[in-house]
C-alpha cells in the first residue's frame, strides 16, 4: 500500500468517525427532533382523528379508534408520564402543538353531531306518549 492509499483510507475513516459523532450528538444529546404522539379523544366534546380498529392488525398497540395528535419535542418527551403526553400538553407543563383533524383532505375525523329535533318530531313523540298512557291500566294505590 503506497502513501496515497494510506492517506485516502485515513481520510475516509476520519470522515466516518466525524459523521458518526455528529449523528450521535444530534440524536442522543441535543435531541432536535419531534415525536408524533396520540392521545385519547372524546368526539362528543372535540374533533378527533378516527381509524377503524375492527381488524386488530390495522390498529396500533394503543388501540385508539378516536384520538388526537400532538407533536412533542424529544428533549421534553422524557417529562411525560405516559406515551400520550396528554396531561402534560393540556396543562402546559411541556410545549406541544396539537395537530387538528381536518387540516388535510386525507384525515378521517370523528365528530359527534346530535340529531336536530324538529317540532314535528316532538309533536309526534308527545302524541305517541299520550296514546301509550291512555292504553295502560290506571295505577291504583
Protein backbone atom coordinates (compact mmCIF):
# COMPACT_ATOMS: atom_id res chain seq x y z
CA UNK A 1 0.00 0.00 0.00
CA UNK A 2 1.57 3.26 -1.04
CA UNK A 3 1.35 6.58 0.75
CA UNK A 4 -1.62 7.99 -1.26
CA UNK A 5 -3.74 4.90 -0.50
CA UNK A 6 -3.00 5.22 3.23
CA UNK A 7 -3.83 8.91 3.13
CA UNK A 8 -7.15 8.25 1.33
CA UNK A 9 -8.07 5.45 3.77
CA UNK A 10 -7.26 7.69 6.76
CA UNK A 11 -9.38 10.49 5.30
CA UNK A 12 -12.38 8.18 4.73
CA UNK A 13 -12.08 6.76 8.26
CA UNK A 14 -11.85 10.26 9.75
CA UNK A 15 -14.96 11.37 7.84
CA UNK A 16 -16.82 8.27 9.03
CA UNK A 17 -15.93 8.92 12.67
CA UNK A 18 -16.93 12.60 12.39
CA UNK A 19 -20.25 11.67 10.76
CA UNK A 20 -20.99 9.09 13.46
CA UNK A 21 -20.09 11.54 16.24
CA UNK A 22 -22.25 14.32 14.78
CA UNK A 23 -25.23 11.97 14.40
CA UNK A 24 -24.82 10.66 17.94
CA UNK A 25 -24.66 14.25 19.25
CA UNK A 26 -27.87 15.27 17.44
CA UNK A 27 -29.95 12.22 18.39
CA UNK A 28 -28.65 11.25 21.83
CA UNK A 29 -27.67 14.53 23.44
CA UNK A 30 -29.17 17.53 21.61
CA UNK A 31 -32.47 15.79 20.64
CA UNK A 32 -33.52 18.27 17.97
CA UNK A 33 -36.38 16.20 16.58
CA UNK A 34 -40.05 15.75 17.38
CA UNK A 35 -42.29 12.84 18.33
CA UNK A 36 -45.80 12.48 16.99
CA UNK A 37 -47.95 11.16 19.86
CA UNK A 38 -51.58 10.05 20.03
CA UNK A 39 -53.87 10.67 23.00
CA UNK A 40 -57.43 9.68 23.88
CA UNK A 41 -60.13 11.93 22.49
CA UNK A 42 -63.84 12.37 23.18
CA UNK A 43 -65.72 13.09 19.94
CA UNK A 44 -68.68 14.42 21.95
CA UNK A 45 -66.65 17.44 23.01
CA UNK A 46 -63.90 17.82 20.38
CA UNK A 47 -62.96 16.88 16.83
CA UNK A 48 -60.93 13.67 16.78
CA UNK A 49 -58.99 11.62 14.28
CA UNK A 50 -60.66 8.29 13.51
CA UNK A 51 -59.37 4.89 12.42
CA UNK A 52 -61.26 1.63 12.07
CA UNK A 53 -59.97 -0.89 14.61
CA UNK A 54 -62.43 -3.67 13.78
CA UNK A 55 -59.43 -5.64 12.50
CA UNK A 56 -56.83 -5.65 15.32
CA UNK A 57 -53.98 -5.85 12.78
CA UNK A 58 -54.96 -2.43 11.38
CA UNK A 59 -54.78 -0.77 14.79
CA UNK A 60 -51.65 0.31 16.71
CA UNK A 61 -50.89 -1.14 20.17
CA UNK A 62 -52.68 1.72 21.96
CA UNK A 63 -55.99 0.54 20.40
CA UNK A 64 -57.36 4.06 19.99
CA UNK A 65 -60.06 4.41 17.34
CA UNK A 66 -60.73 8.07 18.19
CA UNK A 67 -57.63 10.04 19.06
CA UNK A 68 -55.94 13.43 18.90
CA UNK A 69 -52.33 14.03 17.94
CA UNK A 70 -49.58 16.22 19.34
CA UNK A 71 -46.02 16.95 18.28
CA UNK A 72 -43.67 16.85 21.25
CA UNK A 73 -40.00 17.76 21.28
CA UNK A 74 -37.77 14.77 22.00
CA UNK A 75 -35.98 16.73 24.70
CA UNK A 76 -39.29 17.26 26.56
CA UNK A 77 -40.75 13.80 25.92
CA UNK A 78 -38.89 12.48 28.98
CA UNK A 79 -41.18 14.59 31.19
CA UNK A 80 -44.30 12.72 30.02
CA UNK A 81 -45.88 10.25 32.46
CA UNK A 82 -47.21 8.10 29.62
CA UNK A 83 -46.60 7.85 25.88
CA UNK A 84 -49.57 10.07 25.02
CA UNK A 85 -48.27 13.15 26.92
CA UNK A 86 -51.89 14.37 27.01
CA UNK A 87 -51.89 15.58 30.62
CA UNK A 88 -48.60 17.43 30.19
CA UNK A 89 -49.64 19.05 26.89
CA UNK A 90 -53.05 20.18 28.14
CA UNK A 91 -51.68 21.56 31.41
CA UNK A 92 -48.82 23.40 29.70
CA UNK A 93 -46.02 21.55 31.54
CA UNK A 94 -44.35 20.93 28.18
CA UNK A 95 -44.75 22.81 24.92
CA UNK A 96 -46.76 20.76 22.45
CA UNK A 97 -48.50 21.55 19.24
CA UNK A 98 -51.85 19.88 18.66
CA UNK A 99 -52.44 18.66 15.13
CA UNK A 100 -56.06 19.35 14.28
CA UNK A 101 -58.11 16.82 12.37
CA UNK A 102 -59.27 18.07 9.01
CA UNK A 103 -56.14 20.06 8.14
CA UNK A 104 -55.54 17.71 5.21
CA UNK A 105 -58.08 16.08 2.92
CA UNK A 106 -56.91 12.56 3.84
CA UNK A 107 -57.87 12.97 7.51
CA UNK A 108 -60.75 10.88 8.80
CA UNK A 109 -62.40 12.77 11.63
CA UNK A 110 -64.91 11.68 14.25
CA UNK A 111 -67.32 14.40 15.29
CA UNK A 112 -70.38 13.91 17.48
CA UNK A 113 -73.30 15.70 15.90
CA UNK A 114 -76.61 15.26 17.74
CA UNK A 115 -79.64 14.87 15.52
CA UNK A 116 -81.67 18.07 15.35
CA UNK A 117 -85.07 17.82 16.97
CA UNK A 118 -87.80 19.36 14.84
CA UNK A 119 -91.19 20.48 16.10
CA UNK A 120 -92.93 17.76 14.09
CA UNK A 121 -90.83 15.05 15.72
CA UNK A 122 -91.55 16.48 19.17
CA UNK A 123 -95.31 16.64 18.49
CA UNK A 124 -95.32 13.06 17.14
CA UNK A 125 -93.47 11.82 20.21
CA UNK A 126 -95.94 13.61 22.52
CA UNK A 127 -98.92 12.12 20.66
CA UNK A 128 -97.35 8.63 20.86
CA UNK A 129 -96.75 9.02 24.60
CA UNK A 130 -100.37 10.08 25.16
CA UNK A 131 -101.62 7.04 23.23
CA UNK A 132 -99.43 4.71 25.26
CA UNK A 133 -100.58 6.29 28.53
CA UNK A 134 -104.24 6.06 27.59
CA UNK A 135 -103.89 2.34 26.71
CA UNK A 136 -102.32 1.47 30.03
CA UNK A 137 -104.27 0.39 33.06
CA UNK A 138 -104.54 3.17 35.63
CA UNK A 139 -102.21 2.80 38.52
CA UNK A 140 -104.09 2.33 41.77
CA UNK A 141 -102.53 2.93 45.16
